[in-house]
C-alpha cells in the first residue's frame, strides 16, 4: 500500500483549507492562531459553541470558528470564513 504524506494546508485567499475540507485538529486554539496570522486587516476571529448542532458520529456539541468584520453600525460587513470543530473527535471542517 502506498503511503502518502499530508502536506500542510495551503492558503486560499489567506485561509487554510477549501470549503468543505475536513482535517484533523487537536484544539480549536491551533486553528484560531493560524487564522489570526492570515486574516484581513480589521477582521476578528470569533469562537462560539453551537448549542443546537452536534457532530453526527459522536453527537457531541460542535464549536463554530468564524472570521468576520461584522460591527454594529457599520455599513458593509463581510464573513471571510467559517469553520466547525468537534472537540471529541478532533476534526475540523471549513464550511465557508
PDB file of N, CA and C in Angstrom:
ATOM      1  N   UNK A   1       0.834  -1.173   0.000  1.00  0.00           N
ATOM      2  CA  UNK A   1       0.000   0.000   0.000  1.00  0.00           C
ATOM      3  C   UNK A   1       0.886   1.245   0.000  1.00  0.00           C
ATOM      4  N   UNK A   2       0.571   2.167  -0.839  1.00  0.00           N
ATOM      5  CA  UNK A   2       1.353   3.387  -0.985  1.00  0.00           C
ATOM      6  C   UNK A   2       1.018   4.369   0.141  1.00  0.00           C
ATOM      7  N   UNK A   3       2.037   4.873   0.784  1.00  0.00           N
ATOM      8  CA  UNK A   3       1.854   5.815   1.879  1.00  0.00           C
ATOM      9  C   UNK A   3       1.997   7.237   1.340  1.00  0.00           C
ATOM     10  N   UNK A   4       1.012   8.088   1.638  1.00  0.00           N
ATOM     11  CA  UNK A   4       1.093   9.476   1.186  1.00  0.00           C
ATOM     12  C   UNK A   4       1.299  10.372   2.386  1.00  0.00           C
ATOM     13  N   UNK A   5       2.052  11.409   2.190  1.00  0.00           N
ATOM     14  CA  UNK A   5       2.267  12.365   3.267  1.00  0.00           C
ATOM     15  C   UNK A   5       1.284  13.502   3.112  1.00  0.00           C
ATOM     16  N   UNK A   6       0.756  13.951   4.212  1.00  0.00           N
ATOM     17  CA  UNK A   6      -0.198  15.048   4.188  1.00  0.00           C
ATOM     18  C   UNK A   6       0.576  16.366   4.213  1.00  0.00           C
ATOM     19  N   UNK A   7       0.350  17.179   3.215  1.00  0.00           N
ATOM     20  CA  UNK A   7       1.013  18.469   3.135  1.00  0.00           C
ATOM     21  C   UNK A   7       0.343  19.436   4.097  1.00  0.00           C
ATOM     22  N   UNK A   8       1.103  20.417   4.536  1.00  0.00           N
ATOM     23  CA  UNK A   8       0.489  21.448   5.361  1.00  0.00           C
ATOM     24  C   UNK A   8      -0.508  22.203   4.491  1.00  0.00           C
ATOM     25  N   UNK A   9      -1.591  22.691   5.094  1.00  0.00           N
ATOM     26  CA  UNK A   9      -2.628  23.328   4.281  1.00  0.00           C
ATOM     27  C   UNK A   9      -2.110  24.556   3.551  1.00  0.00           C
ATOM     28  N   UNK A  10      -2.480  24.664   2.297  1.00  0.00           N
ATOM     29  CA  UNK A  10      -2.119  25.849   1.529  1.00  0.00           C
ATOM     30  C   UNK A  10      -3.134  26.935   1.830  1.00  0.00           C
ATOM     31  N   UNK A  11      -2.716  28.154   1.701  1.00  0.00           N
ATOM     32  CA  UNK A  11      -3.612  29.266   1.967  1.00  0.00           C
ATOM     33  C   UNK A  11      -4.386  29.608   0.709  1.00  0.00           C
ATOM     34  N   UNK A  12      -5.686  29.734   0.843  1.00  0.00           N
ATOM     35  CA  UNK A  12      -6.562  30.116  -0.249  1.00  0.00           C
ATOM     36  C   UNK A  12      -7.205  31.428   0.164  1.00  0.00           C
ATOM     37  N   UNK A  13      -6.841  32.509  -0.479  1.00  0.00           N
ATOM     38  CA  UNK A  13      -7.297  33.846  -0.089  1.00  0.00           C
ATOM     39  C   UNK A  13      -6.954  34.138   1.370  1.00  0.00           C
ATOM     40  N   UNK A  14      -5.820  33.649   1.834  1.00  0.00           N
ATOM     41  CA  UNK A  14      -5.366  33.919   3.189  1.00  0.00           C
ATOM     42  C   UNK A  14      -5.810  32.897   4.213  1.00  0.00           C
ATOM     43  N   UNK A  15      -6.649  31.935   3.838  1.00  0.00           N
ATOM     44  CA  UNK A  15      -7.158  30.961   4.793  1.00  0.00           C
ATOM     45  C   UNK A  15      -6.765  29.551   4.376  1.00  0.00           C
ATOM     46  N   UNK A  16      -6.438  28.700   5.363  1.00  0.00           N
ATOM     47  CA  UNK A  16      -6.138  27.312   5.033  1.00  0.00           C
ATOM     48  C   UNK A  16      -7.423  26.568   4.696  1.00  0.00           C
ATOM     49  N   UNK A  17      -7.315  25.581   3.874  1.00  0.00           N
ATOM     50  CA  UNK A  17      -8.408  24.682   3.501  1.00  0.00           C
ATOM     51  C   UNK A  17      -9.412  25.334   2.554  1.00  0.00           C
ATOM     52  N   UNK A  18      -9.985  24.514   1.724  1.00  0.00           N
ATOM     53  CA  UNK A  18     -11.051  24.958   0.842  1.00  0.00           C
ATOM     54  C   UNK A  18     -12.384  24.633   1.521  1.00  0.00           C
ATOM     55  N   UNK A  19     -13.475  25.266   1.123  1.00  0.00           N
ATOM     56  CA  UNK A  19     -14.765  24.943   1.749  1.00  0.00           C
ATOM     57  C   UNK A  19     -15.063  23.437   1.669  1.00  0.00           C
ATOM     58  N   UNK A  20     -15.598  22.921   2.743  1.00  0.00           N
ATOM     59  CA  UNK A  20     -15.974  21.514   2.935  1.00  0.00           C
ATOM     60  C   UNK A  20     -14.772  20.590   3.086  1.00  0.00           C
ATOM     61  N   UNK A  21     -13.609  21.165   3.321  1.00  0.00           N
ATOM     62  CA  UNK A  21     -12.388  20.395   3.564  1.00  0.00           C
ATOM     63  C   UNK A  21     -12.371  19.971   5.032  1.00  0.00           C
ATOM     64  N   UNK A  22     -12.335  18.657   5.287  1.00  0.00           N
ATOM     65  CA  UNK A  22     -12.276  18.119   6.644  1.00  0.00           C
ATOM     66  C   UNK A  22     -10.820  17.796   6.955  1.00  0.00           C
ATOM     67  N   UNK A  23     -10.385  18.077   8.192  1.00  0.00           N
ATOM     68  CA  UNK A  23      -8.987  17.890   8.542  1.00  0.00           C
ATOM     69  C   UNK A  23      -8.852  17.590  10.031  1.00  0.00           C
ATOM     70  N   UNK A  24      -7.783  16.908  10.433  1.00  0.00           N
ATOM     71  CA  UNK A  24      -7.563  16.641  11.851  1.00  0.00           C
ATOM     72  C   UNK A  24      -7.166  17.937  12.564  1.00  0.00           C
ATOM     73  N   UNK A  25      -7.668  18.098  13.786  1.00  0.00           N
ATOM     74  CA  UNK A  25      -7.377  19.308  14.555  1.00  0.00           C
ATOM     75  C   UNK A  25      -7.442  18.951  16.032  1.00  0.00           C
ATOM     76  N   UNK A  26      -6.342  19.113  16.748  1.00  0.00           N
ATOM     77  CA  UNK A  26      -6.313  18.744  18.163  1.00  0.00           C
ATOM     78  C   UNK A  26      -7.090  19.715  19.039  1.00  0.00           C
ATOM     79  N   UNK A  27      -6.907  21.015  18.784  1.00  0.00           N
ATOM     80  CA  UNK A  27      -7.561  22.036  19.616  1.00  0.00           C
ATOM     81  C   UNK A  27      -8.023  23.174  18.716  1.00  0.00           C
ATOM     82  N   UNK A  28      -9.148  23.770  19.065  1.00  0.00           N
ATOM     83  CA  UNK A  28      -9.648  24.902  18.275  1.00  0.00           C
ATOM     84  C   UNK A  28      -8.665  26.068  18.315  1.00  0.00           C
ATOM     85  N   UNK A  29      -7.934  26.192  19.407  1.00  0.00           N
ATOM     86  CA  UNK A  29      -6.968  27.283  19.556  1.00  0.00           C
ATOM     87  C   UNK A  29      -5.880  27.241  18.481  1.00  0.00           C
ATOM     88  N   UNK A  30      -5.524  26.035  18.033  1.00  0.00           N
ATOM     89  CA  UNK A  30      -4.499  25.910  16.991  1.00  0.00           C
ATOM     90  C   UNK A  30      -4.968  26.561  15.690  1.00  0.00           C
ATOM     91  N   UNK A  31      -6.237  26.340  15.350  1.00  0.00           N
ATOM     92  CA  UNK A  31      -6.800  26.951  14.143  1.00  0.00           C
ATOM     93  C   UNK A  31      -6.949  28.455  14.320  1.00  0.00           C
ATOM     94  N   UNK A  32      -7.360  28.887  15.503  1.00  0.00           N
ATOM     95  CA  UNK A  32      -7.518  30.326  15.766  1.00  0.00           C
ATOM     96  C   UNK A  32      -6.196  31.056  15.553  1.00  0.00           C
ATOM     97  N   UNK A  33      -5.119  30.503  16.040  1.00  0.00           N
ATOM     98  CA  UNK A  33      -3.796  31.127  15.870  1.00  0.00           C
ATOM     99  C   UNK A  33      -3.454  31.254  14.390  1.00  0.00           C
ATOM    100  N   UNK A  34      -3.707  30.198  13.619  1.00  0.00           N
ATOM    101  CA  UNK A  34      -3.413  30.227  12.185  1.00  0.00           C
ATOM    102  C   UNK A  34      -4.271  31.276  11.475  1.00  0.00           C
ATOM    103  N   UNK A  35      -5.548  31.335  11.838  1.00  0.00           N
ATOM    104  CA  UNK A  35      -6.447  32.304  11.205  1.00  0.00           C
ATOM    105  C   UNK A  35      -6.062  33.733  11.559  1.00  0.00           C
ATOM    106  N   UNK A  36      -5.700  33.983  12.807  1.00  0.00           N
ATOM    107  CA  UNK A  36      -5.316  35.334  13.218  1.00  0.00           C
ATOM    108  C   UNK A  36      -4.071  35.826  12.488  1.00  0.00           C
ATOM    109  N   UNK A  37      -3.176  34.933  12.142  1.00  0.00           N
ATOM    110  CA  UNK A  37      -1.963  35.312  11.414  1.00  0.00           C
ATOM    111  C   UNK A  37      -2.269  35.710   9.971  1.00  0.00           C
ATOM    112  N   UNK A  38      -3.362  35.192   9.412  1.00  0.00           N
ATOM    113  CA  UNK A  38      -3.627  35.357   7.985  1.00  0.00           C
ATOM    114  C   UNK A  38      -4.894  36.124   7.658  1.00  0.00           C
ATOM    115  N   UNK A  39      -5.617  36.612   8.660  1.00  0.00           N
ATOM    116  CA  UNK A  39      -6.901  37.267   8.385  1.00  0.00           C
ATOM    117  C   UNK A  39      -6.703  38.689   7.856  1.00  0.00           C
ATOM    118  N   UNK A  40      -7.704  39.197   7.141  1.00  0.00           N
ATOM    119  CA  UNK A  40      -7.626  40.566   6.629  1.00  0.00           C
ATOM    120  C   UNK A  40      -7.584  41.590   7.763  1.00  0.00           C
ATOM    121  N   UNK A  41      -7.014  42.724   7.472  1.00  0.00           N
ATOM    122  CA  UNK A  41      -6.938  43.809   8.457  1.00  0.00           C
ATOM    123  C   UNK A  41      -8.354  44.231   8.859  1.00  0.00           C
ATOM    124  N   UNK A  42      -8.567  44.410  10.152  1.00  0.00           N
ATOM    125  CA  UNK A  42      -9.864  44.831  10.657  1.00  0.00           C
ATOM    126  C   UNK A  42     -10.807  43.683  10.965  1.00  0.00           C
ATOM    127  N   UNK A  43     -10.418  42.468  10.610  1.00  0.00           N
ATOM    128  CA  UNK A  43     -11.263  41.298  10.885  1.00  0.00           C
ATOM    129  C   UNK A  43     -10.966  40.773  12.284  1.00  0.00           C
ATOM    130  N   UNK A  44     -11.868  39.922  12.763  1.00  0.00           N
ATOM    131  CA  UNK A  44     -11.653  39.280  14.057  1.00  0.00           C
ATOM    132  C   UNK A  44     -12.095  37.828  13.966  1.00  0.00           C
ATOM    133  N   UNK A  45     -11.578  37.016  14.880  1.00  0.00           N
ATOM    134  CA  UNK A  45     -11.942  35.602  14.966  1.00  0.00           C
ATOM    135  C   UNK A  45     -12.867  35.439  16.157  1.00  0.00           C
ATOM    136  N   UNK A  46     -14.005  34.804  15.930  1.00  0.00           N
ATOM    137  CA  UNK A  46     -14.975  34.586  16.991  1.00  0.00           C
ATOM    138  C   UNK A  46     -15.195  33.078  17.140  1.00  0.00           C
ATOM    139  N   UNK A  47     -15.086  32.582  18.377  1.00  0.00           N
ATOM    140  CA  UNK A  47     -15.272  31.163  18.672  1.00  0.00           C
ATOM    141  C   UNK A  47     -16.492  31.035  19.569  1.00  0.00           C
ATOM    142  N   UNK A  48     -17.482  30.239  19.121  1.00  0.00           N
ATOM    143  CA  UNK A  48     -18.711  30.079  19.902  1.00  0.00           C
ATOM    144  C   UNK A  48     -19.182  28.630  19.868  1.00  0.00           C
ATOM    145  N   UNK A  49     -19.730  28.149  20.985  1.00  0.00           N
ATOM    146  CA  UNK A  49     -20.326  26.808  20.984  1.00  0.00           C
ATOM    147  C   UNK A  49     -21.592  26.802  20.137  1.00  0.00           C
ATOM    148  N   UNK A  50     -21.839  25.698  19.486  1.00  0.00           N
ATOM    149  CA  UNK A  50     -23.031  25.562  18.646  1.00  0.00           C
ATOM    150  C   UNK A  50     -24.029  24.668  19.388  1.00  0.00           C
ATOM    151  N   UNK A  51     -24.807  25.263  20.265  1.00  0.00           N
ATOM    152  CA  UNK A  51     -25.680  24.510  21.167  1.00  0.00           C
ATOM    153  C   UNK A  51     -26.657  23.593  20.445  1.00  0.00           C
ATOM    154  N   UNK A  52     -27.108  23.962  19.262  1.00  0.00           N
ATOM    155  CA  UNK A  52     -28.091  23.159  18.546  1.00  0.00           C
ATOM    156  C   UNK A  52     -27.489  22.339  17.413  1.00  0.00           C
ATOM    157  N   UNK A  53     -26.175  22.244  17.354  1.00  0.00           N
ATOM    158  CA  UNK A  53     -25.528  21.494  16.288  1.00  0.00           C
ATOM    159  C   UNK A  53     -24.581  20.467  16.907  1.00  0.00           C
ATOM    160  N   UNK A  54     -24.802  19.217  16.549  1.00  0.00           N
ATOM    161  CA  UNK A  54     -23.986  18.135  17.097  1.00  0.00           C
ATOM    162  C   UNK A  54     -23.330  17.346  15.970  1.00  0.00           C
ATOM    163  N   UNK A  55     -22.117  16.888  16.228  1.00  0.00           N
ATOM    164  CA  UNK A  55     -21.369  16.081  15.268  1.00  0.00           C
ATOM    165  C   UNK A  55     -22.057  14.723  15.163  1.00  0.00           C
ATOM    166  N   UNK A  56     -22.519  14.352  13.980  1.00  0.00           N
ATOM    167  CA  UNK A  56     -23.341  13.140  13.837  1.00  0.00           C
ATOM    168  C   UNK A  56     -22.656  11.841  14.280  1.00  0.00           C
ATOM    169  N   UNK A  57     -21.343  11.635  14.057  1.00  0.00           N
ATOM    170  CA  UNK A  57     -20.749  10.369  14.510  1.00  0.00           C
ATOM    171  C   UNK A  57     -20.731  10.199  16.032  1.00  0.00           C
ATOM    172  N   UNK A  58     -20.540  11.287  16.776  1.00  0.00           N
ATOM    173  CA  UNK A  58     -20.403  11.163  18.236  1.00  0.00           C
ATOM    174  C   UNK A  58     -21.482  11.906  19.020  1.00  0.00           C
ATOM    175  N   UNK A  59     -22.259  12.745  18.344  1.00  0.00           N
ATOM    176  CA  UNK A  59     -23.337  13.546  18.948  1.00  0.00           C
ATOM    177  C   UNK A  59     -22.834  14.583  19.960  1.00  0.00           C
ATOM    178  N   UNK A  60     -21.558  14.931  19.902  1.00  0.00           N
ATOM    179  CA  UNK A  60     -21.015  15.976  20.756  1.00  0.00           C
ATOM    180  C   UNK A  60     -21.292  17.349  20.138  1.00  0.00           C
ATOM    181  N   UNK A  61     -21.387  18.355  20.990  1.00  0.00           N
ATOM    182  CA  UNK A  61     -21.626  19.727  20.537  1.00  0.00           C
ATOM    183  C   UNK A  61     -20.432  20.235  19.741  1.00  0.00           C
ATOM    184  N   UNK A  62     -20.726  20.866  18.617  1.00  0.00           N
ATOM    185  CA  UNK A  62     -19.689  21.426  17.756  1.00  0.00           C
ATOM    186  C   UNK A  62     -19.338  22.848  18.221  1.00  0.00           C
ATOM    187  N   UNK A  63     -18.210  23.340  17.750  1.00  0.00           N
ATOM    188  CA  UNK A  63     -17.757  24.706  18.011  1.00  0.00           C
ATOM    189  C   UNK A  63     -17.631  25.407  16.667  1.00  0.00           C
ATOM    190  N   UNK A  64     -18.154  26.632  16.573  1.00  0.00           N
ATOM    191  CA  UNK A  64     -18.029  27.436  15.358  1.00  0.00           C
ATOM    192  C   UNK A  64     -16.869  28.406  15.511  1.00  0.00           C
ATOM    193  N   UNK A  65     -16.090  28.538  14.452  1.00  0.00           N
ATOM    194  CA  UNK A  65     -14.974  29.478  14.422  1.00  0.00           C
ATOM    195  C   UNK A  65     -15.172  30.323  13.171  1.00  0.00           C
ATOM    196  N   UNK A  66     -15.435  31.619  13.366  1.00  0.00           N
ATOM    197  CA  UNK A  66     -15.774  32.489  12.247  1.00  0.00           C
ATOM    198  C   UNK A  66     -14.807  33.674  12.188  1.00  0.00           C
ATOM    199  N   UNK A  67     -14.383  34.000  10.978  1.00  0.00           N
ATOM    200  CA  UNK A  67     -13.562  35.184  10.740  1.00  0.00           C
ATOM    201  C   UNK A  67     -14.449  36.187  10.019  1.00  0.00           C
ATOM    202  N   UNK A  68     -14.614  37.366  10.615  1.00  0.00           N
ATOM    203  CA  UNK A  68     -15.518  38.369  10.045  1.00  0.00           C
ATOM    204  C   UNK A  68     -15.109  39.771  10.476  1.00  0.00           C
ATOM    205  N   UNK A  69     -15.769  40.745   9.868  1.00  0.00           N
ATOM    206  CA  UNK A  69     -15.567  42.139  10.292  1.00  0.00           C
ATOM    207  C   UNK A  69     -16.918  42.792  10.595  1.00  0.00           C
ATOM    208  N   UNK A  70     -17.838  42.002  11.132  1.00  0.00           N
ATOM    209  CA  UNK A  70     -19.182  42.485  11.440  1.00  0.00           C
ATOM    210  C   UNK A  70     -19.135  43.369  12.685  1.00  0.00           C
ATOM    211  N   UNK A  71     -19.638  44.577  12.553  1.00  0.00           N
ATOM    212  CA  UNK A  71     -19.734  45.506  13.671  1.00  0.00           C
ATOM    213  C   UNK A  71     -21.055  46.244  13.569  1.00  0.00           C
ATOM    214  N   UNK A  72     -21.662  46.511  14.704  1.00  0.00           N
ATOM    215  CA  UNK A  72     -22.914  47.257  14.724  1.00  0.00           C
ATOM    216  C   UNK A  72     -22.684  48.665  14.202  1.00  0.00           C
ATOM    217  N   UNK A  73     -23.566  49.108  13.334  1.00  0.00           N
ATOM    218  CA  UNK A  73     -23.474  50.451  12.793  1.00  0.00           C
ATOM    219  C   UNK A  73     -22.592  50.566  11.569  1.00  0.00           C
ATOM    220  N   UNK A  74     -21.911  49.510  11.206  1.00  0.00           N
ATOM    221  CA  UNK A  74     -21.038  49.522  10.030  1.00  0.00           C
ATOM    222  C   UNK A  74     -21.884  49.271   8.782  1.00  0.00           C
ATOM    223  N   UNK A  75     -21.638  50.045   7.724  1.00  0.00           N
ATOM    224  CA  UNK A  75     -22.438  49.933   6.504  1.00  0.00           C
ATOM    225  C   UNK A  75     -22.269  48.593   5.792  1.00  0.00           C
ATOM    226  N   UNK A  76     -21.050  48.141   5.629  1.00  0.00           N
ATOM    227  CA  UNK A  76     -20.836  46.858   4.949  1.00  0.00           C
ATOM    228  C   UNK A  76     -19.962  45.969   5.825  1.00  0.00           C
ATOM    229  N   UNK A  77     -20.337  44.719   5.891  1.00  0.00           N
ATOM    230  CA  UNK A  77     -19.597  43.733   6.669  1.00  0.00           C
ATOM    231  C   UNK A  77     -19.379  42.500   5.818  1.00  0.00           C
ATOM    232  N   UNK A  78     -18.403  41.713   6.209  1.00  0.00           N
ATOM    233  CA  UNK A  78     -18.119  40.513   5.444  1.00  0.00           C
ATOM    234  C   UNK A  78     -17.762  39.363   6.383  1.00  0.00           C
ATOM    235  N   UNK A  79     -18.241  38.172   6.035  1.00  0.00           N
ATOM    236  CA  UNK A  79     -17.814  36.944   6.693  1.00  0.00           C
ATOM    237  C   UNK A  79     -16.784  36.315   5.758  1.00  0.00           C
ATOM    238  N   UNK A  80     -15.564  36.164   6.245  1.00  0.00           N
ATOM    239  CA  UNK A  80     -14.480  35.665   5.406  1.00  0.00           C
ATOM    240  C   UNK A  80     -14.400  34.142   5.391  1.00  0.00           C
ATOM    241  N   UNK A  81     -14.604  33.529   6.545  1.00  0.00           N
ATOM    242  CA  UNK A  81     -14.580  32.070   6.602  1.00  0.00           C
ATOM    243  C   UNK A  81     -15.300  31.589   7.854  1.00  0.00           C
ATOM    244  N   UNK A  82     -15.838  30.373   7.755  1.00  0.00           N
ATOM    245  CA  UNK A  82     -16.490  29.729   8.899  1.00  0.00           C
ATOM    246  C   UNK A  82     -15.978  28.292   8.960  1.00  0.00           C
ATOM    247  N   UNK A  83     -15.572  27.892  10.147  1.00  0.00           N
ATOM    248  CA  UNK A  83     -15.134  26.528  10.411  1.00  0.00           C
ATOM    249  C   UNK A  83     -16.004  25.934  11.507  1.00  0.00           C
ATOM    250  N   UNK A  84     -16.105  24.607  11.529  1.00  0.00           N
ATOM    251  CA  UNK A  84     -16.721  23.892  12.633  1.00  0.00           C
ATOM    252  C   UNK A  84     -15.698  22.908  13.167  1.00  0.00           C
ATOM    253  N   UNK A  85     -15.753  22.670  14.484  1.00  0.00           N
ATOM    254  CA  UNK A  85     -14.779  21.800  15.134  1.00  0.00           C
ATOM    255  C   UNK A  85     -15.490  20.896  16.123  1.00  0.00           C
ATOM    256  N   UNK A  86     -15.146  19.601  16.103  1.00  0.00           N
ATOM    257  CA  UNK A  86     -15.652  18.653  17.093  1.00  0.00           C
ATOM    258  C   UNK A  86     -14.517  18.355  18.069  1.00  0.00           C
ATOM    259  N   UNK A  87     -14.628  18.835  19.306  1.00  0.00           N
ATOM    260  CA  UNK A  87     -13.556  18.604  20.277  1.00  0.00           C
ATOM    261  C   UNK A  87     -13.421  17.140  20.703  1.00  0.00           C
ATOM    262  N   UNK A  88     -14.478  16.347  20.555  1.00  0.00           N
ATOM    263  CA  UNK A  88     -14.411  14.935  20.940  1.00  0.00           C
ATOM    264  C   UNK A  88     -13.667  14.105  19.890  1.00  0.00           C
ATOM    265  N   UNK A  89     -13.937  14.366  18.620  1.00  0.00           N
ATOM    266  CA  UNK A  89     -13.325  13.600  17.525  1.00  0.00           C
ATOM    267  C   UNK A  89     -12.058  14.258  16.986  1.00  0.00           C
ATOM    268  N   UNK A  90     -11.792  15.499  17.398  1.00  0.00           N
ATOM    269  CA  UNK A  90     -10.616  16.246  16.925  1.00  0.00           C
ATOM    270  C   UNK A  90     -10.628  16.402  15.411  1.00  0.00           C
ATOM    271  N   UNK A  91     -11.787  16.815  14.893  1.00  0.00           N
ATOM    272  CA  UNK A  91     -11.964  17.037  13.456  1.00  0.00           C
ATOM    273  C   UNK A  91     -12.481  18.449  13.230  1.00  0.00           C
ATOM    274  N   UNK A  92     -11.866  19.120  12.276  1.00  0.00           N
ATOM    275  CA  UNK A  92     -12.332  20.437  11.854  1.00  0.00           C
ATOM    276  C   UNK A  92     -12.811  20.353  10.420  1.00  0.00           C
ATOM    277  N   UNK A  93     -13.688  21.271  10.047  1.00  0.00           N
ATOM    278  CA  UNK A  93     -14.153  21.347   8.667  1.00  0.00           C
ATOM    279  C   UNK A  93     -14.395  22.817   8.321  1.00  0.00           C
ATOM    280  N   UNK A  94     -13.927  23.212   7.162  1.00  0.00           N
ATOM    281  CA  UNK A  94     -14.220  24.568   6.705  1.00  0.00           C
ATOM    282  C   UNK A  94     -15.587  24.533   6.029  1.00  0.00           C
ATOM    283  N   UNK A  95     -16.496  25.383   6.486  1.00  0.00           N
ATOM    284  CA  UNK A  95     -17.852  25.413   5.974  1.00  0.00           C
ATOM    285  C   UNK A  95     -18.002  26.489   4.906  1.00  0.00           C
ATOM    286  N   UNK A  96     -17.355  27.618   5.096  1.00  0.00           N
ATOM    287  CA  UNK A  96     -17.436  28.721   4.146  1.00  0.00           C
ATOM    288  C   UNK A  96     -16.058  29.311   3.948  1.00  0.00           C
TER     289      UNK A  96
END
